[in-house]
């Protein structure tokens, strides 16, 4: 029901290109003229263009999950629908006490009925872990 995926902080942006010039011979400093645009991003957030959302309290989350269940259930077929109905309650009970530890993300469309992605940091980890509600995912080629 919940898929756990390990994210990773990566540096993105400016690239150090050596064009063979010798700035010290030309009187320039090491950093003179360099516009460093490098930024740290989480690979999953960047790759899938996820948008961070404000934190949910328990009441807001329950309201969201009820709407999500109502919207997703008719889109699932047969065994997938039965498994979703059977397991969504336990997944919700697992997530509820952890809400204060999560960052919430949605896809770039920021649609009200889209699935939430939950990010958190495991003890001692510098990289975030993401939780996805598996039945709501679509397969795409990257």
Protein backbone atom coordinates (compact mmCIF):
# COMPACT_ATOMS: atom_id res chain seq x y z
CA UNK A 1 0.00 0.00 0.00
CA UNK A 2 2.80 2.45 0.92
CA UNK A 3 5.97 2.53 -1.11
CA UNK A 4 9.09 3.87 0.54
CA UNK A 5 11.68 5.54 -1.69
CA UNK A 6 15.01 6.97 -0.57
CA UNK A 7 15.71 10.49 -1.83
CA UNK A 8 19.13 12.08 -2.11
CA UNK A 9 20.40 15.65 -1.90
CA UNK A 10 22.25 16.56 -5.11
CA UNK A 11 23.99 19.72 -6.31
CA UNK A 12 22.50 21.21 -9.42
CA UNK A 13 23.41 24.29 -11.39
CA UNK A 14 26.76 25.87 -12.20
CA UNK A 15 29.32 23.63 -13.85
CA UNK A 16 33.04 24.19 -13.43
CA UNK A 17 34.40 24.36 -16.98
CA UNK A 18 38.14 24.57 -17.55
CA UNK A 19 38.74 26.33 -20.87
CA UNK A 20 42.52 26.43 -20.51
CA UNK A 21 42.79 30.08 -19.53
CA UNK A 22 45.18 31.02 -16.76
CA UNK A 23 43.42 33.69 -14.67
CA UNK A 24 46.40 34.14 -12.34
CA UNK A 25 48.64 35.06 -15.28
CA UNK A 26 46.05 37.59 -16.42
CA UNK A 27 45.80 39.19 -12.98
CA UNK A 28 42.36 37.79 -12.15
CA UNK A 29 41.46 36.22 -8.83
CA UNK A 30 40.32 32.63 -8.54
CA UNK A 31 36.64 33.51 -8.15
CA UNK A 32 36.57 36.69 -10.17
CA UNK A 33 33.80 36.67 -12.75
CA UNK A 34 32.34 33.38 -11.53
CA UNK A 35 28.56 33.36 -11.05
CA UNK A 36 27.99 30.28 -8.92
CA UNK A 37 24.37 29.18 -9.42
CA UNK A 38 24.79 25.77 -7.79
CA UNK A 39 21.90 24.78 -5.51
CA UNK A 40 21.16 21.68 -3.47
CA UNK A 41 17.93 19.91 -4.38
CA UNK A 42 16.36 16.57 -3.52
CA UNK A 43 16.55 14.35 -6.61
CA UNK A 44 12.96 13.06 -6.36
CA UNK A 45 11.46 16.51 -5.80
CA UNK A 46 13.42 17.93 -8.74
CA UNK A 47 12.94 15.02 -11.17
CA UNK A 48 9.17 14.82 -10.70
CA UNK A 49 8.73 18.59 -10.17
CA UNK A 50 6.97 18.05 -6.86
CA UNK A 51 5.53 21.10 -5.12
CA UNK A 52 5.70 21.38 -1.35
CA UNK A 53 2.39 21.89 0.43
CA UNK A 54 1.58 23.35 3.85
CA UNK A 55 1.50 20.86 6.71
CA UNK A 56 -1.76 19.01 7.43
CA UNK A 57 -3.27 18.63 10.86
CA UNK A 58 -5.19 15.43 11.63
CA UNK A 59 -8.58 16.88 10.72
CA UNK A 60 -7.34 18.23 7.37
CA UNK A 61 -5.60 14.95 6.60
CA UNK A 62 -8.70 12.85 7.33
CA UNK A 63 -10.76 15.17 5.09
CA UNK A 64 -8.13 14.83 2.33
CA UNK A 65 -7.88 11.03 2.61
CA UNK A 66 -11.67 10.57 2.48
CA UNK A 67 -11.81 12.63 -0.74
CA UNK A 68 -8.81 10.74 -2.13
CA UNK A 69 -10.47 7.36 -1.43
CA UNK A 70 -13.71 8.54 -3.04
CA UNK A 71 -11.86 9.74 -6.16
CA UNK A 72 -9.44 6.82 -6.55
CA UNK A 73 -11.67 3.82 -5.78
CA UNK A 74 -13.74 3.99 -9.01
CA UNK A 75 -10.52 4.23 -11.08
CA UNK A 76 -9.20 0.93 -9.73
CA UNK A 77 -10.41 -2.40 -11.07
CA UNK A 78 -11.16 -5.77 -9.50
CA UNK A 79 -8.50 -7.04 -7.12
CA UNK A 80 -6.70 -3.67 -7.03
CA UNK A 81 -9.88 -1.99 -5.82
CA UNK A 82 -10.49 -4.69 -3.19
CA UNK A 83 -6.89 -4.48 -1.93
CA UNK A 84 -7.10 -0.68 -1.76
CA UNK A 85 -10.33 -0.77 0.27
CA UNK A 86 -8.85 -3.41 2.57
CA UNK A 87 -5.52 -1.64 3.22
CA UNK A 88 -6.22 2.11 3.10
CA UNK A 89 -7.48 2.21 6.70
CA UNK A 90 -4.29 0.66 8.09
CA UNK A 91 -2.16 2.97 5.92
CA UNK A 92 -4.10 5.97 7.24
CA UNK A 93 -3.64 4.79 10.83
CA UNK A 94 0.09 4.41 10.16
CA UNK A 95 0.38 7.94 8.72
CA UNK A 96 -1.79 9.88 11.21
CA UNK A 97 0.56 9.87 14.22
CA UNK A 98 3.50 10.85 11.98
CA UNK A 99 1.92 13.93 10.35
CA UNK A 100 4.02 16.36 12.37
CA UNK A 101 7.21 14.75 11.02
CA UNK A 102 6.22 14.93 7.33
CA UNK A 103 6.75 17.40 4.55
CA UNK A 104 3.91 17.14 2.03
CA UNK A 105 4.30 17.28 -1.74
CA UNK A 106 2.02 17.04 -4.78
CA UNK A 107 2.71 16.94 -8.51
CA UNK A 108 3.34 20.15 -10.41
CA UNK A 109 -0.33 20.41 -11.48
CA UNK A 110 -1.14 20.89 -7.77
CA UNK A 111 -4.56 19.35 -8.42
CA UNK A 112 -6.82 19.02 -5.38
CA UNK A 113 -7.48 15.36 -6.08
CA UNK A 114 -3.87 14.33 -6.67
CA UNK A 115 -1.98 12.00 -4.38
CA UNK A 116 0.15 13.37 -1.58
CA UNK A 117 3.78 12.38 -1.28
CA UNK A 118 5.09 12.27 2.28
CA UNK A 119 8.74 13.08 3.02
CA UNK A 120 10.51 12.54 6.33
CA UNK A 121 13.99 12.03 7.71
CA UNK A 122 14.84 8.74 9.35
CA UNK A 123 16.91 8.95 12.53
CA UNK A 124 20.45 10.01 11.67
CA UNK A 125 19.80 10.35 7.94
CA UNK A 126 20.73 13.50 6.01
CA UNK A 127 18.63 12.41 3.02
CA UNK A 128 14.81 12.33 3.01
CA UNK A 129 12.67 9.23 2.64
CA UNK A 130 9.44 9.48 0.63
CA UNK A 131 6.22 7.54 1.12
CA UNK A 132 3.78 7.06 -1.76
CA UNK A 133 0.29 5.59 -1.72
CA UNK A 134 1.03 2.96 -4.36
CA UNK A 135 -2.48 2.53 -5.85
CA UNK A 136 -2.51 6.18 -6.91
CA UNK A 137 0.69 6.05 -8.95
CA UNK A 138 0.87 5.98 -12.74
CA UNK A 139 3.77 4.36 -14.53
CA UNK A 140 5.80 6.79 -16.62
CA UNK A 141 9.02 6.46 -18.56
CA UNK A 142 11.81 8.74 -17.41
